Amino acid sequence: MENKTNWYVLFVMGGKEQQICDFMNQEYDNWKVFIPKIEIIHTKQGKEFFVEKVMFPSYLFIESDIPSKDFKIC
């Protein structure tokens, strides 16, 4: 039987995305939890620099081979 990769999106408390992502990656071996980020150019006092921003604030993305009927967060 072929393993199918499933994707899940989890809504979490704003500002806690990285903390929750790190925790979940430590606790759940068969999940890959990540936060999509983007680098934007920010200008301050005439100087440009890159700033990394969360693309979807308050959301975590999970990649797993667990079927949706068995996917549970305790």
C-alpha atoms as a PDB file:
ATOM      1  CA  MET A   1       0.000   0.000   0.000  1.00  0.00           C
ATOM      2  CA  GLU A   2       1.330   3.422  -0.950  1.00  0.00           C
ATOM      3  CA  ASN A   3       1.849   6.092   1.711  1.00  0.00           C
ATOM      4  CA  LYS A   4      -0.046   9.224   0.843  1.00  0.00           C
ATOM      5  CA  THR A   5       1.116  12.582   2.137  1.00  0.00           C
ATOM      6  CA  ASN A   6      -1.632  14.632   3.737  1.00  0.00           C
ATOM      7  CA  TRP A   7      -1.604  18.340   4.514  1.00  0.00           C
ATOM      8  CA  TYR A   8      -3.303  19.970   7.473  1.00  0.00           C
ATOM      9  CA  VAL A   9      -3.623  23.598   8.540  1.00  0.00           C
ATOM     10  CA  LEU A  10      -3.844  24.459  12.209  1.00  0.00           C
ATOM     11  CA  PHE A  11      -5.051  27.801  13.605  1.00  0.00           C
ATOM     12  CA  VAL A  12      -3.004  28.848  16.665  1.00  0.00           C
ATOM     13  CA  MET A  13      -2.663  31.849  18.960  1.00  0.00           C
ATOM     14  CA  GLY A  14      -1.052  34.782  17.165  1.00  0.00           C
ATOM     15  CA  GLY A  15       2.569  35.432  18.044  1.00  0.00           C
ATOM     16  CA  LYS A  16       3.028  31.864  19.328  1.00  0.00           C
ATOM     17  CA  GLU A  17       3.451  30.207  15.914  1.00  0.00           C
ATOM     18  CA  GLN A  18       7.170  29.446  16.257  1.00  0.00           C
ATOM     19  CA  GLN A  19       6.912  28.229  19.846  1.00  0.00           C
ATOM     20  CA  ILE A  20       4.050  25.857  19.007  1.00  0.00           C
ATOM     21  CA  CYS A  21       5.754  24.724  15.776  1.00  0.00           C
ATOM     22  CA  ASP A  22       8.969  23.846  17.651  1.00  0.00           C
ATOM     23  CA  PHE A  23       7.027  21.980  20.328  1.00  0.00           C
ATOM     24  CA  MET A  24       4.988  19.975  17.834  1.00  0.00           C
ATOM     25  CA  ASN A  25       8.072  19.009  15.801  1.00  0.00           C
ATOM     26  CA  GLN A  26       9.659  17.659  19.006  1.00  0.00           C
ATOM     27  CA  GLU A  27       6.562  15.799  20.175  1.00  0.00           C
ATOM     28  CA  TYR A  28       5.302  14.273  16.924  1.00  0.00           C
ATOM     29  CA  ASP A  29       7.874  12.265  14.973  1.00  0.00           C
ATOM     30  CA  ASN A  30       5.661  11.531  11.964  1.00  0.00           C
ATOM     31  CA  TRP A  31       4.650  15.171  11.384  1.00  0.00           C
ATOM     32  CA  LYS A  32       6.538  17.948   9.648  1.00  0.00           C
ATOM     33  CA  VAL A  33       5.172  21.176  11.104  1.00  0.00           C
ATOM     34  CA  PHE A  34       6.259  24.436   9.498  1.00  0.00           C
ATOM     35  CA  ILE A  35       5.468  28.118   9.115  1.00  0.00           C
ATOM     36  CA  PRO A  36       5.630  29.552   5.587  1.00  0.00           C
ATOM     37  CA  LYS A  37       7.687  32.741   5.644  1.00  0.00           C
ATOM     38  CA  ILE A  38       8.694  35.339   3.075  1.00  0.00           C
ATOM     39  CA  GLU A  39      11.527  37.834   2.935  1.00  0.00           C
ATOM     40  CA  ILE A  40      10.545  41.378   2.062  1.00  0.00           C
ATOM     41  CA  ILE A  41      12.672  44.446   1.510  1.00  0.00           C
ATOM     42  CA  HIS A  42      12.138  47.056   4.189  1.00  0.00           C
ATOM     43  CA  THR A  43      13.423  50.614   3.908  1.00  0.00           C
ATOM     44  CA  LYS A  44      14.298  52.646   6.980  1.00  0.00           C
ATOM     45  CA  GLN A  45      16.101  55.986   6.887  1.00  0.00           C
ATOM     46  CA  GLY A  46      17.038  55.389   3.245  1.00  0.00           C
ATOM     47  CA  LYS A  47      18.630  52.002   3.898  1.00  0.00           C
ATOM     48  CA  GLU A  48      17.171  48.782   2.542  1.00  0.00           C
ATOM     49  CA  PHE A  49      17.298  45.503   4.430  1.00  0.00           C
ATOM     50  CA  PHE A  50      15.514  42.162   4.355  1.00  0.00           C
ATOM     51  CA  VAL A  51      12.852  41.314   6.907  1.00  0.00           C
ATOM     52  CA  GLU A  52      11.411  37.810   7.301  1.00  0.00           C
ATOM     53  CA  LYS A  53       7.629  37.778   7.787  1.00  0.00           C
ATOM     54  CA  VAL A  54       5.135  35.012   8.444  1.00  0.00           C
ATOM     55  CA  MET A  55       3.000  34.599   5.309  1.00  0.00           C
ATOM     56  CA  PHE A  56      -0.094  33.391   7.150  1.00  0.00           C
ATOM     57  CA  PRO A  57      -0.096  34.746  10.726  1.00  0.00           C
ATOM     58  CA  SER A  58      -1.701  32.392  13.305  1.00  0.00           C
ATOM     59  CA  TYR A  59      -1.497  29.320  11.025  1.00  0.00           C
ATOM     60  CA  LEU A  60       0.770  26.265  11.119  1.00  0.00           C
ATOM     61  CA  PHE A  61       1.055  23.836   8.240  1.00  0.00           C
ATOM     62  CA  ILE A  62       1.473  20.132   8.869  1.00  0.00           C
ATOM     63  CA  GLU A  63       2.660  17.481   6.442  1.00  0.00           C
ATOM     64  CA  SER A  64       2.013  13.892   7.519  1.00  0.00           C
ATOM     65  CA  ASP A  65       1.226  10.439   6.221  1.00  0.00           C
ATOM     66  CA  ILE A  66      -1.533  10.052   8.838  1.00  0.00           C
ATOM     67  CA  PRO A  67      -4.974   9.706   7.197  1.00  0.00           C
ATOM     68  CA  SER A  68      -7.452  12.448   8.064  1.00  0.00           C
ATOM     69  CA  LYS A  69      -9.709  10.072   9.994  1.00  0.00           C
ATOM     70  CA  ASP A  70      -6.806   9.294  12.367  1.00  0.00           C
ATOM     71  CA  PHE A  71      -5.414  12.836  12.643  1.00  0.00           C
ATOM     72  CA  LYS A  72      -5.904  14.074  16.209  1.00  0.00           C
ATOM     73  CA  ILE A  73      -4.206  16.682  18.333  1.00  0.00           C
ATOM     74  CA  CYS A  74      -4.426  16.038  22.039  1.00  0.00           C
END
